[in-house]
Amino acid sequence: MRKHAFYWLLLIASLALWQWLDGDEPEAPTARGLGRPDFTASRLYNVSYSEEGLPEYRIYANSMDFYTDSNITRFEQPLILVYPDQLQPVWQITADQAKVLRQQNVAFHDNVVIRNLSRNEYVKDLLTEFVSIDLNQQTMHSDQQVTVLGPSYQLIGTGMDGDLAEETVHLLNDINAVYETLP
């Protein structure tokens, strides 16, 4: 947990220095209810590595705002690649917005797409308006409607629990399924 805190602090310090040196950038818009951000960045790219030096996840975003008082980081148009096996990314997560609440807990909002990048996957895409992902535990949860797309089926349910490392997804309530027969 401390190594992740160190990487976040290093990221924030480098972004602050970069913003301070680059005075030509316009100010980022203020997020509702959070006040003015202490650090901002545009066209963000960050890699988090394991103790063995292998990537655990990569973060891309159009913009990032960090608020020291609330310890909240907000991303616009985030894309995160998750590496459960540390050799090849297995999951790609995109959304309109994301908020990091407790260093490793990321809440994705609006047009969330979780794409399975594995070969011969049973689950191809997960679509929802909200999902919370714990990058440290590699688990995900949503209490919203979730659509699961597979090679020849579509599942729709309310609520979801999933494990990114195990590549499993469990819809919780009101599940409807549509199966296609292949010719």
N, C-alpha and C. Protein backbone atom coordinates (compact mmCIF):
# COMPACT_ATOMS: atom_id res chain seq x y z
N MET A 1 0.82 -1.18 0.00
CA MET A 1 0.00 0.00 0.00
C MET A 1 0.87 1.26 0.00
N ARG A 2 2.00 1.21 0.73
CA ARG A 2 2.88 2.37 0.79
C ARG A 2 3.54 2.65 -0.55
N LYS A 3 3.84 1.57 -1.31
CA LYS A 3 4.49 1.80 -2.61
C LYS A 3 3.54 2.52 -3.55
N HIS A 4 2.24 2.24 -3.46
CA HIS A 4 1.27 2.92 -4.31
C HIS A 4 1.13 4.38 -3.88
N ALA A 5 1.15 4.64 -2.59
CA ALA A 5 1.08 6.01 -2.10
C ALA A 5 2.30 6.79 -2.59
N PHE A 6 3.47 6.16 -2.55
CA PHE A 6 4.68 6.81 -3.04
C PHE A 6 4.53 7.17 -4.52
N TYR A 7 4.00 6.25 -5.34
CA TYR A 7 3.86 6.52 -6.77
C TYR A 7 2.86 7.65 -7.02
N TRP A 8 1.78 7.69 -6.24
CA TRP A 8 0.80 8.77 -6.41
C TRP A 8 1.42 10.11 -6.02
N LEU A 9 2.16 10.14 -4.92
CA LEU A 9 2.80 11.38 -4.51
C LEU A 9 3.84 11.82 -5.54
N LEU A 10 4.59 10.86 -6.08
CA LEU A 10 5.56 11.18 -7.12
C LEU A 10 4.87 11.74 -8.36
N LEU A 11 3.75 11.12 -8.75
CA LEU A 11 2.98 11.60 -9.89
C LEU A 11 2.48 13.02 -9.66
N ILE A 12 1.92 13.25 -8.49
CA ILE A 12 1.35 14.56 -8.19
C ILE A 12 2.45 15.61 -8.13
N ALA A 13 3.58 15.29 -7.52
CA ALA A 13 4.69 16.25 -7.46
C ALA A 13 5.21 16.58 -8.85
N SER A 14 5.35 15.57 -9.71
CA SER A 14 5.84 15.82 -11.06
C SER A 14 4.84 16.62 -11.87
N LEU A 15 3.55 16.35 -11.68
CA LEU A 15 2.53 17.13 -12.39
C LEU A 15 2.51 18.58 -11.91
N ALA A 16 2.70 18.79 -10.60
CA ALA A 16 2.73 20.15 -10.07
C ALA A 16 3.91 20.92 -10.64
N LEU A 17 5.06 20.29 -10.68
CA LEU A 17 6.25 20.93 -11.23
C LEU A 17 6.05 21.24 -12.70
N TRP A 18 5.49 20.30 -13.43
CA TRP A 18 5.25 20.49 -14.86
C TRP A 18 4.29 21.66 -15.10
N GLN A 19 3.21 21.72 -14.31
CA GLN A 19 2.24 22.81 -14.45
C GLN A 19 2.87 24.16 -14.08
N TRP A 20 3.70 24.16 -13.05
CA TRP A 20 4.34 25.39 -12.62
C TRP A 20 5.28 25.92 -13.70
N LEU A 21 6.02 25.01 -14.35
CA LEU A 21 6.96 25.41 -15.39
C LEU A 21 6.27 25.78 -16.69
N ASP A 22 5.07 25.26 -16.91
CA ASP A 22 4.34 25.49 -18.16
C ASP A 22 3.19 26.45 -17.89
N GLY A 23 3.48 27.74 -17.84
CA GLY A 23 2.48 28.74 -17.49
C GLY A 23 1.53 29.09 -18.62
N ASP A 24 1.70 28.54 -19.83
CA ASP A 24 0.85 28.86 -20.96
C ASP A 24 -0.48 28.13 -20.95
N GLU A 25 -0.60 27.08 -20.14
CA GLU A 25 -1.84 26.29 -20.11
C GLU A 25 -2.95 27.07 -19.44
N PRO A 26 -4.17 27.08 -19.99
CA PRO A 26 -5.28 27.74 -19.30
C PRO A 26 -5.67 26.95 -18.06
N GLU A 27 -6.32 27.64 -17.10
CA GLU A 27 -6.75 26.97 -15.88
C GLU A 27 -7.83 25.95 -16.18
N ALA A 28 -7.80 24.85 -15.46
CA ALA A 28 -8.82 23.83 -15.59
C ALA A 28 -10.11 24.33 -14.94
N PRO A 29 -11.28 23.93 -15.48
CA PRO A 29 -12.53 24.35 -14.88
C PRO A 29 -12.68 23.76 -13.48
N THR A 30 -13.36 24.49 -12.63
CA THR A 30 -13.55 24.05 -11.26
C THR A 30 -14.64 22.99 -11.19
N ALA A 31 -14.36 21.90 -10.48
CA ALA A 31 -15.34 20.84 -10.29
C ALA A 31 -16.35 21.29 -9.25
N ARG A 32 -17.63 20.94 -9.46
CA ARG A 32 -18.68 21.35 -8.53
C ARG A 32 -18.42 20.82 -7.13
N GLY A 33 -18.46 21.72 -6.15
CA GLY A 33 -18.40 21.33 -4.77
C GLY A 33 -17.01 21.01 -4.24
N LEU A 34 -15.99 20.99 -5.05
CA LEU A 34 -14.66 20.64 -4.58
C LEU A 34 -13.74 21.85 -4.45
N GLY A 35 -14.17 23.00 -4.93
CA GLY A 35 -13.29 24.16 -4.89
C GLY A 35 -12.30 24.12 -6.04
N ARG A 36 -11.25 24.87 -5.88
CA ARG A 36 -10.23 24.95 -6.92
C ARG A 36 -9.21 23.82 -6.74
N PRO A 37 -8.85 23.11 -7.82
CA PRO A 37 -7.88 22.02 -7.68
C PRO A 37 -6.50 22.57 -7.34
N ASP A 38 -5.75 21.77 -6.58
CA ASP A 38 -4.40 22.15 -6.21
C ASP A 38 -3.39 21.82 -7.31
N PHE A 39 -3.68 20.78 -8.09
CA PHE A 39 -2.84 20.39 -9.22
C PHE A 39 -3.75 20.05 -10.39
N THR A 40 -3.32 20.40 -11.58
CA THR A 40 -4.04 20.03 -12.79
C THR A 40 -3.04 19.52 -13.82
N ALA A 41 -3.54 18.71 -14.72
CA ALA A 41 -2.69 18.21 -15.81
C ALA A 41 -3.58 17.94 -17.01
N SER A 42 -2.99 17.98 -18.16
CA SER A 42 -3.70 17.59 -19.38
C SER A 42 -2.85 16.55 -20.10
N ARG A 43 -3.54 15.70 -20.87
CA ARG A 43 -2.88 14.62 -21.61
C ARG A 43 -2.00 13.79 -20.67
N LEU A 44 -2.61 13.28 -19.62
CA LEU A 44 -1.91 12.54 -18.58
C LEU A 44 -1.60 11.12 -19.01
N TYR A 45 -0.43 10.64 -18.63
CA TYR A 45 -0.04 9.25 -18.81
C TYR A 45 0.77 8.84 -17.59
N ASN A 46 0.40 7.72 -16.97
CA ASN A 46 1.09 7.24 -15.78
C ASN A 46 1.11 5.72 -15.79
N VAL A 47 2.21 5.13 -15.34
CA VAL A 47 2.33 3.68 -15.21
C VAL A 47 2.63 3.36 -13.76
N SER A 48 1.91 2.38 -13.21
CA SER A 48 2.18 1.90 -11.86
C SER A 48 2.83 0.54 -11.98
N TYR A 49 3.98 0.38 -11.33
CA TYR A 49 4.75 -0.86 -11.43
C TYR A 49 4.69 -1.68 -10.14
N SER A 50 4.82 -2.98 -10.28
CA SER A 50 4.91 -3.87 -9.13
C SER A 50 6.31 -3.78 -8.54
N GLU A 51 6.51 -4.45 -7.42
CA GLU A 51 7.84 -4.47 -6.80
C GLU A 51 8.86 -5.16 -7.70
N GLU A 52 8.39 -6.05 -8.59
CA GLU A 52 9.28 -6.74 -9.53
C GLU A 52 9.60 -5.89 -10.75
N GLY A 53 9.02 -4.70 -10.83
CA GLY A 53 9.28 -3.81 -11.97
C GLY A 53 8.40 -4.06 -13.17
N LEU A 54 7.32 -4.83 -13.01
CA LEU A 54 6.40 -5.10 -14.11
C LEU A 54 5.17 -4.20 -13.98
N PRO A 55 4.56 -3.79 -15.10
CA PRO A 55 3.41 -2.89 -15.01
C PRO A 55 2.21 -3.57 -14.36
N GLU A 56 1.53 -2.81 -13.46
CA GLU A 56 0.27 -3.27 -12.86
C GLU A 56 -0.92 -2.62 -13.56
N TYR A 57 -0.78 -1.34 -13.86
CA TYR A 57 -1.80 -0.65 -14.65
C TYR A 57 -1.20 0.63 -15.24
N ARG A 58 -1.83 1.07 -16.32
CA ARG A 58 -1.46 2.31 -17.00
C ARG A 58 -2.69 3.19 -17.02
N ILE A 59 -2.49 4.48 -16.81
CA ILE A 59 -3.59 5.43 -16.81
C ILE A 59 -3.31 6.49 -17.87
N TYR A 60 -4.30 6.73 -18.71
CA TYR A 60 -4.29 7.82 -19.67
C TYR A 60 -5.52 8.66 -19.37
N ALA A 61 -5.44 9.98 -19.55
CA ALA A 61 -6.62 10.83 -19.37
C ALA A 61 -6.40 12.14 -20.11
N ASN A 62 -7.51 12.72 -20.59
CA ASN A 62 -7.42 14.02 -21.24
C ASN A 62 -7.02 15.09 -20.23
N SER A 63 -7.57 14.99 -19.01
CA SER A 63 -7.19 15.94 -17.97
C SER A 63 -7.34 15.30 -16.60
N MET A 64 -6.63 15.90 -15.61
CA MET A 64 -6.67 15.43 -14.24
C MET A 64 -6.64 16.63 -13.32
N ASP A 65 -7.45 16.57 -12.25
CA ASP A 65 -7.45 17.59 -11.20
C ASP A 65 -7.27 16.88 -9.87
N PHE A 66 -6.39 17.42 -9.03
CA PHE A 66 -6.18 16.86 -7.69
C PHE A 66 -6.53 17.90 -6.65
N TYR A 67 -7.32 17.49 -5.65
CA TYR A 67 -7.77 18.35 -4.57
C TYR A 67 -7.16 17.85 -3.26
N THR A 68 -6.22 18.63 -2.70
CA THR A 68 -5.50 18.21 -1.51
C THR A 68 -6.42 18.06 -0.30
N ASP A 69 -7.31 19.02 -0.08
CA ASP A 69 -8.16 19.00 1.11
C ASP A 69 -9.01 17.74 1.21
N SER A 70 -9.55 17.29 0.09
CA SER A 70 -10.42 16.11 0.11
C SER A 70 -9.68 14.85 -0.34
N ASN A 71 -8.43 14.99 -0.80
CA ASN A 71 -7.63 13.87 -1.30
C ASN A 71 -8.35 13.14 -2.43
N ILE A 72 -8.97 13.90 -3.31
CA ILE A 72 -9.70 13.35 -4.45
C ILE A 72 -8.99 13.75 -5.74
N THR A 73 -8.87 12.80 -6.64
CA THR A 73 -8.33 13.05 -7.97
C THR A 73 -9.43 12.78 -8.98
N ARG A 74 -9.68 13.72 -9.88
CA ARG A 74 -10.71 13.57 -10.91
C ARG A 74 -10.05 13.49 -12.28
N PHE A 75 -10.56 12.57 -13.12
CA PHE A 75 -10.06 12.40 -14.48
C PHE A 75 -11.18 12.65 -15.47
N GLU A 76 -10.86 13.28 -16.59
CA GLU A 76 -11.79 13.42 -17.72
C GLU A 76 -11.30 12.51 -18.84
N GLN A 77 -12.20 11.73 -19.40
CA GLN A 77 -11.90 10.79 -20.47
C GLN A 77 -10.76 9.84 -20.11
N PRO A 78 -10.88 9.15 -18.96
CA PRO A 78 -9.82 8.23 -18.56
C PRO A 78 -9.83 6.93 -19.37
N LEU A 79 -8.67 6.34 -19.50
CA LEU A 79 -8.49 5.00 -20.06
C LEU A 79 -7.46 4.32 -19.16
N ILE A 80 -7.85 3.19 -18.58
CA ILE A 80 -6.94 2.45 -17.70
C ILE A 80 -6.76 1.05 -18.25
N LEU A 81 -5.53 0.62 -18.37
CA LEU A 81 -5.20 -0.75 -18.74
C LEU A 81 -4.74 -1.48 -17.49
N VAL A 82 -5.36 -2.63 -17.19
CA VAL A 82 -5.05 -3.40 -15.99
C VAL A 82 -4.31 -4.66 -16.40
N TYR A 83 -3.22 -4.96 -15.70
CA TYR A 83 -2.34 -6.08 -15.99
C TYR A 83 -2.39 -7.10 -14.85
N PRO A 84 -3.41 -7.96 -14.77
CA PRO A 84 -3.42 -8.95 -13.69
C PRO A 84 -2.26 -9.94 -13.78
N ASP A 85 -1.85 -10.31 -15.00
CA ASP A 85 -0.75 -11.26 -15.14
C ASP A 85 0.60 -10.57 -15.36
N GLN A 86 0.60 -9.25 -15.43
CA GLN A 86 1.78 -8.40 -15.53
C GLN A 86 2.59 -8.58 -16.81
N LEU A 87 2.09 -9.30 -17.78
CA LEU A 87 2.78 -9.43 -19.05
C LEU A 87 2.03 -8.73 -20.17
N GLN A 88 0.73 -8.80 -20.12
CA GLN A 88 -0.13 -8.25 -21.16
C GLN A 88 -1.36 -7.66 -20.49
N PRO A 89 -1.83 -6.48 -20.90
CA PRO A 89 -3.04 -5.96 -20.27
C PRO A 89 -4.22 -6.88 -20.58
N VAL A 90 -5.05 -7.11 -19.57
CA VAL A 90 -6.21 -7.98 -19.73
C VAL A 90 -7.48 -7.17 -19.84
N TRP A 91 -7.53 -6.03 -19.17
CA TRP A 91 -8.73 -5.21 -19.16
C TRP A 91 -8.41 -3.78 -19.58
N GLN A 92 -9.33 -3.19 -20.34
CA GLN A 92 -9.26 -1.77 -20.70
C GLN A 92 -10.54 -1.13 -20.19
N ILE A 93 -10.42 -0.09 -19.39
CA ILE A 93 -11.58 0.57 -18.81
C ILE A 93 -11.60 2.01 -19.29
N THR A 94 -12.71 2.42 -19.88
CA THR A 94 -12.87 3.80 -20.33
C THR A 94 -14.18 4.35 -19.77
N ALA A 95 -14.24 5.67 -19.66
CA ALA A 95 -15.44 6.35 -19.18
C ALA A 95 -15.33 7.82 -19.53
N ASP A 96 -16.41 8.55 -19.30
CA ASP A 96 -16.35 10.00 -19.49
C ASP A 96 -15.61 10.65 -18.33
N GLN A 97 -15.80 10.09 -17.10
CA GLN A 97 -15.19 10.66 -15.91
C GLN A 97 -14.79 9.56 -14.94
N ALA A 98 -13.81 9.86 -14.11
CA ALA A 98 -13.43 8.95 -13.04
C ALA A 98 -12.95 9.78 -11.86
N LYS A 99 -13.08 9.18 -10.68
CA LYS A 99 -12.65 9.84 -9.46
C LYS A 99 -11.92 8.82 -8.60
N VAL A 100 -10.70 9.14 -8.19
CA VAL A 100 -9.93 8.28 -7.29
C VAL A 100 -10.24 8.75 -5.88
N LEU A 101 -10.77 7.81 -5.07
CA LEU A 101 -11.20 8.18 -3.72
C LEU A 101 -10.19 7.80 -2.65
N ARG A 102 -9.70 6.58 -2.69
CA ARG A 102 -8.74 6.13 -1.68
C ARG A 102 -7.56 5.49 -2.39
N GLN A 103 -6.81 6.25 -3.08
CA GLN A 103 -5.62 5.87 -3.82
C GLN A 103 -5.84 4.75 -4.82
N GLN A 104 -6.41 3.63 -4.44
CA GLN A 104 -6.59 2.52 -5.38
C GLN A 104 -8.04 2.29 -5.75
N ASN A 105 -8.98 3.03 -5.17
CA ASN A 105 -10.39 2.86 -5.45
C ASN A 105 -10.82 3.91 -6.46
N VAL A 106 -11.15 3.48 -7.68
CA VAL A 106 -11.49 4.40 -8.75
C VAL A 106 -12.97 4.21 -9.10
N ALA A 107 -13.73 5.29 -9.06
CA ALA A 107 -15.14 5.28 -9.43
C ALA A 107 -15.26 5.86 -10.83
N PHE A 108 -15.73 5.06 -11.77
CA PHE A 108 -15.92 5.48 -13.16
C PHE A 108 -17.38 5.85 -13.36
N HIS A 109 -17.63 6.98 -14.05
CA HIS A 109 -18.99 7.47 -14.28
C HIS A 109 -19.21 7.75 -15.75
N ASP A 110 -20.41 7.48 -16.21
CA ASP A 110 -20.90 7.88 -17.53
C ASP A 110 -20.18 7.16 -18.67
N ASN A 111 -20.97 6.40 -19.41
CA ASN A 111 -20.48 5.67 -20.59
C ASN A 111 -19.27 4.79 -20.28
N VAL A 112 -19.38 4.00 -19.22
CA VAL A 112 -18.28 3.13 -18.81
C VAL A 112 -18.25 1.88 -19.70
N VAL A 113 -17.09 1.59 -20.25
CA VAL A 113 -16.88 0.37 -21.05
C VAL A 113 -15.68 -0.36 -20.47
N ILE A 114 -15.91 -1.60 -20.05
CA ILE A 114 -14.83 -2.45 -19.55
C ILE A 114 -14.63 -3.53 -20.60
N ARG A 115 -13.51 -3.49 -21.28
CA ARG A 115 -13.26 -4.40 -22.40
C ARG A 115 -12.23 -5.45 -21.99
N ASN A 116 -12.56 -6.71 -22.24
CA ASN A 116 -11.66 -7.82 -21.97
C ASN A 116 -10.73 -7.96 -23.18
N LEU A 117 -9.44 -7.84 -22.97
CA LEU A 117 -8.47 -7.90 -24.06
C LEU A 117 -7.86 -9.28 -24.24
N SER A 118 -8.29 -10.25 -23.42
CA SER A 118 -7.77 -11.62 -23.52
C SER A 118 -8.26 -12.29 -24.79
N ARG A 119 -7.52 -13.26 -25.24
CA ARG A 119 -7.96 -14.05 -26.39
C ARG A 119 -8.96 -15.10 -25.92
N ASN A 120 -9.88 -15.45 -26.80
CA ASN A 120 -10.89 -16.47 -26.52
C ASN A 120 -11.66 -16.17 -25.24
N GLU A 121 -11.97 -14.90 -25.03
CA GLU A 121 -12.68 -14.51 -23.83
C GLU A 121 -14.16 -14.87 -23.92
N TYR A 122 -14.74 -15.20 -22.77
CA TYR A 122 -16.17 -15.47 -22.70
C TYR A 122 -16.93 -14.16 -22.49
N VAL A 123 -16.32 -13.21 -21.79
CA VAL A 123 -16.89 -11.87 -21.60
C VAL A 123 -16.06 -10.92 -22.44
N LYS A 124 -16.72 -10.25 -23.40
CA LYS A 124 -16.00 -9.29 -24.24
C LYS A 124 -16.06 -7.89 -23.67
N ASP A 125 -17.27 -7.39 -23.41
CA ASP A 125 -17.45 -6.03 -22.93
C ASP A 125 -18.47 -5.99 -21.80
N LEU A 126 -18.26 -5.06 -20.89
CA LEU A 126 -19.22 -4.73 -19.84
C LEU A 126 -19.56 -3.26 -20.03
N LEU A 127 -20.84 -2.94 -20.08
CA LEU A 127 -21.29 -1.56 -20.28
C LEU A 127 -22.15 -1.15 -19.10
N THR A 128 -21.89 0.02 -18.54
CA THR A 128 -22.67 0.53 -17.41
C THR A 128 -22.46 2.03 -17.31
N GLU A 129 -23.20 2.66 -16.42
CA GLU A 129 -23.03 4.09 -16.16
C GLU A 129 -22.17 4.36 -14.94
N PHE A 130 -21.93 3.32 -14.12
CA PHE A 130 -21.09 3.47 -12.94
C PHE A 130 -20.47 2.14 -12.56
N VAL A 131 -19.19 2.18 -12.20
CA VAL A 131 -18.52 1.02 -11.62
C VAL A 131 -17.39 1.54 -10.71
N SER A 132 -17.21 0.86 -9.60
CA SER A 132 -16.12 1.15 -8.69
C SER A 132 -15.11 0.01 -8.79
N ILE A 133 -13.85 0.35 -9.01
CA ILE A 133 -12.81 -0.65 -9.19
C ILE A 133 -11.70 -0.42 -8.17
N ASP A 134 -11.37 -1.47 -7.43
CA ASP A 134 -10.25 -1.45 -6.50
C ASP A 134 -9.05 -2.01 -7.26
N LEU A 135 -8.14 -1.13 -7.66
CA LEU A 135 -7.00 -1.56 -8.47
C LEU A 135 -6.02 -2.41 -7.67
N ASN A 136 -5.98 -2.24 -6.36
CA ASN A 136 -5.09 -3.04 -5.53
C ASN A 136 -5.61 -4.48 -5.41
N GLN A 137 -6.89 -4.65 -5.12
CA GLN A 137 -7.49 -5.98 -4.99
C GLN A 137 -7.94 -6.54 -6.35
N GLN A 138 -8.01 -5.68 -7.37
CA GLN A 138 -8.45 -6.03 -8.72
C GLN A 138 -9.87 -6.59 -8.71
N THR A 139 -10.74 -5.88 -7.97
CA THR A 139 -12.16 -6.24 -7.92
C THR A 139 -12.97 -5.06 -8.41
N MET A 140 -14.21 -5.34 -8.83
CA MET A 140 -15.08 -4.27 -9.30
C MET A 140 -16.50 -4.51 -8.80
N HIS A 141 -17.25 -3.41 -8.65
CA HIS A 141 -18.62 -3.49 -8.17
C HIS A 141 -19.43 -2.37 -8.79
N SER A 142 -20.69 -2.68 -9.10
CA SER A 142 -21.63 -1.68 -9.56
C SER A 142 -23.00 -2.01 -9.00
N ASP A 143 -23.77 -0.97 -8.66
CA ASP A 143 -25.15 -1.18 -8.26
C ASP A 143 -26.10 -0.70 -9.36
N GLN A 144 -25.55 -0.34 -10.51
CA GLN A 144 -26.33 0.14 -11.65
C GLN A 144 -26.63 -1.01 -12.62
N GLN A 145 -27.40 -0.70 -13.65
CA GLN A 145 -27.64 -1.69 -14.71
C GLN A 145 -26.33 -1.95 -15.44
N VAL A 146 -26.06 -3.23 -15.73
CA VAL A 146 -24.84 -3.64 -16.41
C VAL A 146 -25.23 -4.53 -17.59
N THR A 147 -24.64 -4.28 -18.74
CA THR A 147 -24.82 -5.13 -19.91
C THR A 147 -23.51 -5.88 -20.14
N VAL A 148 -23.61 -7.20 -20.23
CA VAL A 148 -22.45 -8.05 -20.48
C VAL A 148 -22.58 -8.57 -21.90
N LEU A 149 -21.58 -8.32 -22.73
CA LEU A 149 -21.59 -8.79 -24.11
C LEU A 149 -20.55 -9.89 -24.26
N GLY A 150 -20.98 -11.00 -24.83
CA GLY A 150 -20.09 -12.12 -25.10
C GLY A 150 -20.10 -12.45 -26.57
N PRO A 151 -19.42 -13.50 -26.97
CA PRO A 151 -19.33 -13.85 -28.39
C PRO A 151 -20.69 -14.16 -29.01
N SER A 152 -21.62 -14.74 -28.27
CA SER A 152 -22.92 -15.07 -28.86
C SER A 152 -24.06 -14.84 -27.86
N TYR A 153 -23.89 -13.91 -26.95
CA TYR A 153 -24.93 -13.64 -25.97
C TYR A 153 -24.84 -12.20 -25.47
N GLN A 154 -25.93 -11.78 -24.83
CA GLN A 154 -26.00 -10.49 -24.15
C GLN A 154 -26.76 -10.71 -22.85
N LEU A 155 -26.19 -10.28 -21.74
CA LEU A 155 -26.85 -10.35 -20.43
C LEU A 155 -27.05 -8.94 -19.92
N ILE A 156 -28.21 -8.69 -19.33
CA ILE A 156 -28.48 -7.40 -18.72
C ILE A 156 -28.97 -7.68 -17.30
N GLY A 157 -28.38 -7.00 -16.33
CA GLY A 157 -28.78 -7.16 -14.95
C GLY A 157 -28.51 -5.91 -14.16
N THR A 158 -29.01 -5.89 -12.94
CA THR A 158 -28.79 -4.76 -12.04
C THR A 158 -27.81 -5.20 -10.97
N GLY A 159 -26.72 -4.48 -10.87
CA GLY A 159 -25.68 -4.81 -9.91
C GLY A 159 -24.71 -5.83 -10.45
N MET A 160 -23.44 -5.69 -10.05
CA MET A 160 -22.41 -6.59 -10.54
C MET A 160 -21.26 -6.62 -9.55
N ASP A 161 -20.68 -7.79 -9.38
CA ASP A 161 -19.40 -7.96 -8.70
C ASP A 161 -18.49 -8.68 -9.68
N GLY A 162 -17.22 -8.31 -9.70
CA GLY A 162 -16.29 -8.95 -10.61
C GLY A 162 -14.89 -9.00 -10.06
N ASP A 163 -14.11 -9.88 -10.64
CA ASP A 163 -12.71 -10.05 -10.27
C ASP A 163 -11.89 -9.92 -11.55
N LEU A 164 -11.10 -8.87 -11.64
CA LEU A 164 -10.32 -8.64 -12.86
C LEU A 164 -9.24 -9.68 -13.06
N ALA A 165 -8.61 -10.14 -11.97
CA ALA A 165 -7.55 -11.14 -12.08
C ALA A 165 -8.10 -12.49 -12.52
N GLU A 166 -9.26 -12.87 -12.00
CA GLU A 166 -9.88 -14.16 -12.34
C GLU A 166 -10.71 -14.08 -13.62
N GLU A 167 -10.92 -12.86 -14.10
CA GLU A 167 -11.76 -12.61 -15.29
C GLU A 167 -13.17 -13.17 -15.10
N THR A 168 -13.76 -12.88 -13.92
CA THR A 168 -15.12 -13.33 -13.63
C THR A 168 -16.01 -12.14 -13.36
N VAL A 169 -17.29 -12.29 -13.73
CA VAL A 169 -18.30 -11.27 -13.53
C VAL A 169 -19.56 -11.96 -13.03
N HIS A 170 -20.18 -11.39 -12.00
CA HIS A 170 -21.42 -11.93 -11.45
C HIS A 170 -22.47 -10.82 -11.45
N LEU A 171 -23.51 -10.98 -12.27
CA LEU A 171 -24.63 -10.06 -12.21
C LEU A 171 -25.47 -10.44 -10.99
N LEU A 172 -26.04 -9.45 -10.30
CA LEU A 172 -26.65 -9.71 -9.01
C LEU A 172 -28.18 -9.83 -9.05
N ASN A 173 -28.88 -9.01 -9.81
CA ASN A 173 -30.34 -9.00 -9.77
C ASN A 173 -30.95 -8.76 -11.15
N ASP A 174 -32.21 -9.16 -11.30
CA ASP A 174 -33.02 -8.87 -12.50
C ASP A 174 -32.27 -9.17 -13.79
N ILE A 175 -31.81 -10.39 -13.94
CA ILE A 175 -30.96 -10.77 -15.07
C ILE A 175 -31.82 -11.23 -16.24
N ASN A 176 -31.55 -10.66 -17.41
CA ASN A 176 -32.19 -11.07 -18.65
C ASN A 176 -31.08 -11.48 -19.61
N ALA A 177 -31.34 -12.54 -20.37
CA ALA A 177 -30.31 -13.04 -21.29
C ALA A 177 -30.88 -13.20 -22.69
N VAL A 178 -30.05 -12.91 -23.68
CA VAL A 178 -30.37 -13.15 -25.08
C VAL A 178 -29.20 -13.91 -25.67
N TYR A 179 -29.49 -15.11 -26.23
CA TYR A 179 -28.44 -15.94 -26.82
C TYR A 179 -28.66 -16.00 -28.32
N GLU A 180 -27.58 -15.94 -29.06
CA GLU A 180 -27.63 -16.05 -30.52
C GLU A 180 -27.14 -17.43 -30.91
N THR A 181 -27.78 -18.01 -31.88
CA THR A 181 -27.29 -19.28 -32.40
C THR A 181 -26.44 -19.00 -33.62
N LEU A 182 -25.29 -19.58 -33.64
CA LEU A 182 -24.36 -19.37 -34.75
C LEU A 182 -24.71 -20.33 -35.88
N PRO A 183 -24.67 -19.87 -37.12
CA PRO A 183 -25.01 -20.74 -38.25
C PRO A 183 -23.98 -21.83 -38.49
